[in-house]
Amino acid sequence: MAALFAANPSAYAGSQRDEQDAARRAMLDGQVMPFSVIKRRVDAAMGGATYLGSEFNPSTNRYRLKYVKDGKVLWVDADGRTGDIIGWAR
């Protein structure tokens, strides 16, 4: 997959745009909270980790936020409906 995006960066930009559009539609339809609210909640639980980015899964209405702290990458899954943290991964 990475090779595909390296060969065609516009494919990655398009998929990112589609993801953002899906997140916005879900928020406007009342299916998920605004991302800014979810990010604030997760930031508060991350103890000073640096935010790197996020992904949205429209089929589950979940966000995956990426952070780095002490040289380690942390992934945090949040429920888009409630803003609750539902999982962590390193």
C-alpha atoms as a PDB file:
ATOM      1  CA  MET A   1       0.000   0.000   0.000  1.00  0.00           C
ATOM      2  CA  ALA A   2       2.808   2.417   0.877  1.00  0.00           C
ATOM      3  CA  ALA A   3       4.371   1.738  -2.511  1.00  0.00           C
ATOM      4  CA  LEU A   4       1.100   2.725  -4.168  1.00  0.00           C
ATOM      5  CA  PHE A   5       1.056   6.064  -2.339  1.00  0.00           C
ATOM      6  CA  ALA A   6       4.751   6.648  -3.046  1.00  0.00           C
ATOM      7  CA  ALA A   7       4.125   6.073  -6.743  1.00  0.00           C
ATOM      8  CA  ASN A   8       0.955   8.157  -6.752  1.00  0.00           C
ATOM      9  CA  PRO A   9       0.840  10.733  -3.919  1.00  0.00           C
ATOM     10  CA  SER A  10      -2.486  12.081  -5.182  1.00  0.00           C
ATOM     11  CA  ALA A  11      -4.085   8.712  -4.298  1.00  0.00           C
ATOM     12  CA  TYR A  12      -3.115   9.274  -0.653  1.00  0.00           C
ATOM     13  CA  ALA A  13      -4.372  12.858  -0.727  1.00  0.00           C
ATOM     14  CA  GLY A  14      -7.647  11.643  -2.214  1.00  0.00           C
ATOM     15  CA  SER A  15      -8.132   8.967   0.428  1.00  0.00           C
ATOM     16  CA  GLN A  16      -7.327  11.474   3.165  1.00  0.00           C
ATOM     17  CA  ARG A  17      -9.858  13.911   1.718  1.00  0.00           C
ATOM     18  CA  ASP A  18     -12.501  11.159   1.521  1.00  0.00           C
ATOM     19  CA  GLU A  19     -11.844  10.301   5.179  1.00  0.00           C
ATOM     20  CA  GLN A  20     -12.212  13.935   6.211  1.00  0.00           C
ATOM     21  CA  ASP A  21     -15.420  14.267   4.190  1.00  0.00           C
ATOM     22  CA  ALA A  22     -16.848  11.137   5.840  1.00  0.00           C
ATOM     23  CA  ALA A  23     -15.975  12.474   9.311  1.00  0.00           C
ATOM     24  CA  ARG A  24     -17.584  15.823   8.545  1.00  0.00           C
ATOM     25  CA  ARG A  25     -20.761  14.184   7.203  1.00  0.00           C
ATOM     26  CA  ALA A  26     -20.996  11.971  10.290  1.00  0.00           C
ATOM     27  CA  MET A  27     -20.594  15.021  12.547  1.00  0.00           C
ATOM     28  CA  LEU A  28     -23.194  17.057  10.648  1.00  0.00           C
ATOM     29  CA  ASP A  29     -25.600  14.073  10.786  1.00  0.00           C
ATOM     30  CA  GLY A  30     -25.160  13.915  14.560  1.00  0.00           C
ATOM     31  CA  GLN A  31     -23.465  10.510  14.441  1.00  0.00           C
ATOM     32  CA  VAL A  32     -20.182  11.712  15.982  1.00  0.00           C
ATOM     33  CA  MET A  33     -18.998  14.550  18.191  1.00  0.00           C
ATOM     34  CA  PRO A  34     -16.892  17.335  16.685  1.00  0.00           C
ATOM     35  CA  PHE A  35     -13.288  16.144  16.340  1.00  0.00           C
ATOM     36  CA  SER A  36     -12.002  19.119  18.338  1.00  0.00           C
ATOM     37  CA  VAL A  37     -13.958  17.914  21.390  1.00  0.00           C
ATOM     38  CA  ILE A  38     -12.696  14.343  21.014  1.00  0.00           C
ATOM     39  CA  LYS A  39      -9.103  15.506  20.544  1.00  0.00           C
ATOM     40  CA  ARG A  40      -9.262  17.686  23.683  1.00  0.00           C
ATOM     41  CA  ARG A  41     -10.498  14.709  25.709  1.00  0.00           C
ATOM     42  CA  VAL A  42      -7.778  12.415  24.421  1.00  0.00           C
ATOM     43  CA  ASP A  43      -5.078  15.106  24.784  1.00  0.00           C
ATOM     44  CA  ALA A  44      -6.016  15.453  28.461  1.00  0.00           C
ATOM     45  CA  ALA A  45      -5.400  11.737  28.979  1.00  0.00           C
ATOM     46  CA  MET A  46      -2.081  11.699  27.125  1.00  0.00           C
ATOM     47  CA  GLY A  47       0.044  13.468  29.731  1.00  0.00           C
ATOM     48  CA  GLY A  48       1.926  15.837  27.454  1.00  0.00           C
ATOM     49  CA  ALA A  49       2.416  13.497  24.483  1.00  0.00           C
ATOM     50  CA  THR A  50       2.769  15.203  21.104  1.00  0.00           C
ATOM     51  CA  TYR A  51      -0.186  14.777  18.726  1.00  0.00           C
ATOM     52  CA  LEU A  52       0.853  13.593  15.255  1.00  0.00           C
ATOM     53  CA  GLY A  53      -2.405  12.981  13.393  1.00  0.00           C
ATOM     54  CA  SER A  54      -5.587  10.959  13.185  1.00  0.00           C
ATOM     55  CA  GLU A  55      -7.687   8.623  11.095  1.00  0.00           C
ATOM     56  CA  PHE A  56     -11.470   8.224  10.970  1.00  0.00           C
ATOM     57  CA  ASN A  57     -13.256   4.947  10.274  1.00  0.00           C
ATOM     58  CA  PRO A  58     -16.751   5.790   8.952  1.00  0.00           C
ATOM     59  CA  SER A  59     -18.011   2.204   9.265  1.00  0.00           C
ATOM     60  CA  THR A  60     -17.436   2.214  13.057  1.00  0.00           C
ATOM     61  CA  ASN A  61     -17.500   5.989  13.737  1.00  0.00           C
ATOM     62  CA  ARG A  62     -14.182   5.635  15.553  1.00  0.00           C
ATOM     63  CA  TYR A  63     -11.140   7.843  15.519  1.00  0.00           C
ATOM     64  CA  ARG A  64      -7.548   6.643  15.879  1.00  0.00           C
ATOM     65  CA  LEU A  65      -5.246   9.391  17.134  1.00  0.00           C
ATOM     66  CA  LYS A  66      -1.470   9.094  16.904  1.00  0.00           C
ATOM     67  CA  TYR A  67       0.889  10.531  19.530  1.00  0.00           C
ATOM     68  CA  VAL A  68       4.562  10.306  20.403  1.00  0.00           C
ATOM     69  CA  LYS A  69       5.931  10.397  23.945  1.00  0.00           C
ATOM     70  CA  ASP A  70       9.429   9.587  25.150  1.00  0.00           C
ATOM     71  CA  GLY A  71      10.317   8.390  21.657  1.00  0.00           C
ATOM     72  CA  LYS A  72       7.442   5.888  21.519  1.00  0.00           C
ATOM     73  CA  VAL A  73       4.479   6.083  19.162  1.00  0.00           C
ATOM     74  CA  LEU A  74       1.095   5.601  20.819  1.00  0.00           C
ATOM     75  CA  TRP A  75      -2.213   4.978  19.064  1.00  0.00           C
ATOM     76  CA  VAL A  76      -5.416   5.850  20.900  1.00  0.00           C
ATOM     77  CA  ASP A  77      -8.830   4.713  19.670  1.00  0.00           C
ATOM     78  CA  ALA A  78     -11.782   6.918  20.575  1.00  0.00           C
ATOM     79  CA  ASP A  79     -15.501   6.371  20.090  1.00  0.00           C
ATOM     80  CA  GLY A  80     -16.716   9.183  17.853  1.00  0.00           C
ATOM     81  CA  ARG A  81     -20.202   9.117  19.381  1.00  0.00           C
ATOM     82  CA  THR A  82     -19.118   9.565  23.007  1.00  0.00           C
ATOM     83  CA  GLY A  83     -15.510  10.743  22.828  1.00  0.00           C
ATOM     84  CA  ASP A  84     -14.528   7.919  25.195  1.00  0.00           C
ATOM     85  CA  ILE A  85     -11.137   6.264  24.830  1.00  0.00           C
ATOM     86  CA  ILE A  86     -11.802   2.652  23.884  1.00  0.00           C
ATOM     87  CA  GLY A  87      -8.287   1.339  23.252  1.00  0.00           C
ATOM     88  CA  TRP A  88      -4.536   1.980  23.302  1.00  0.00           C
ATOM     89  CA  ALA A  89      -1.689   0.499  21.288  1.00  0.00           C
ATOM     90  CA  ARG A  90       2.073   1.038  21.075  1.00  0.00           C
END
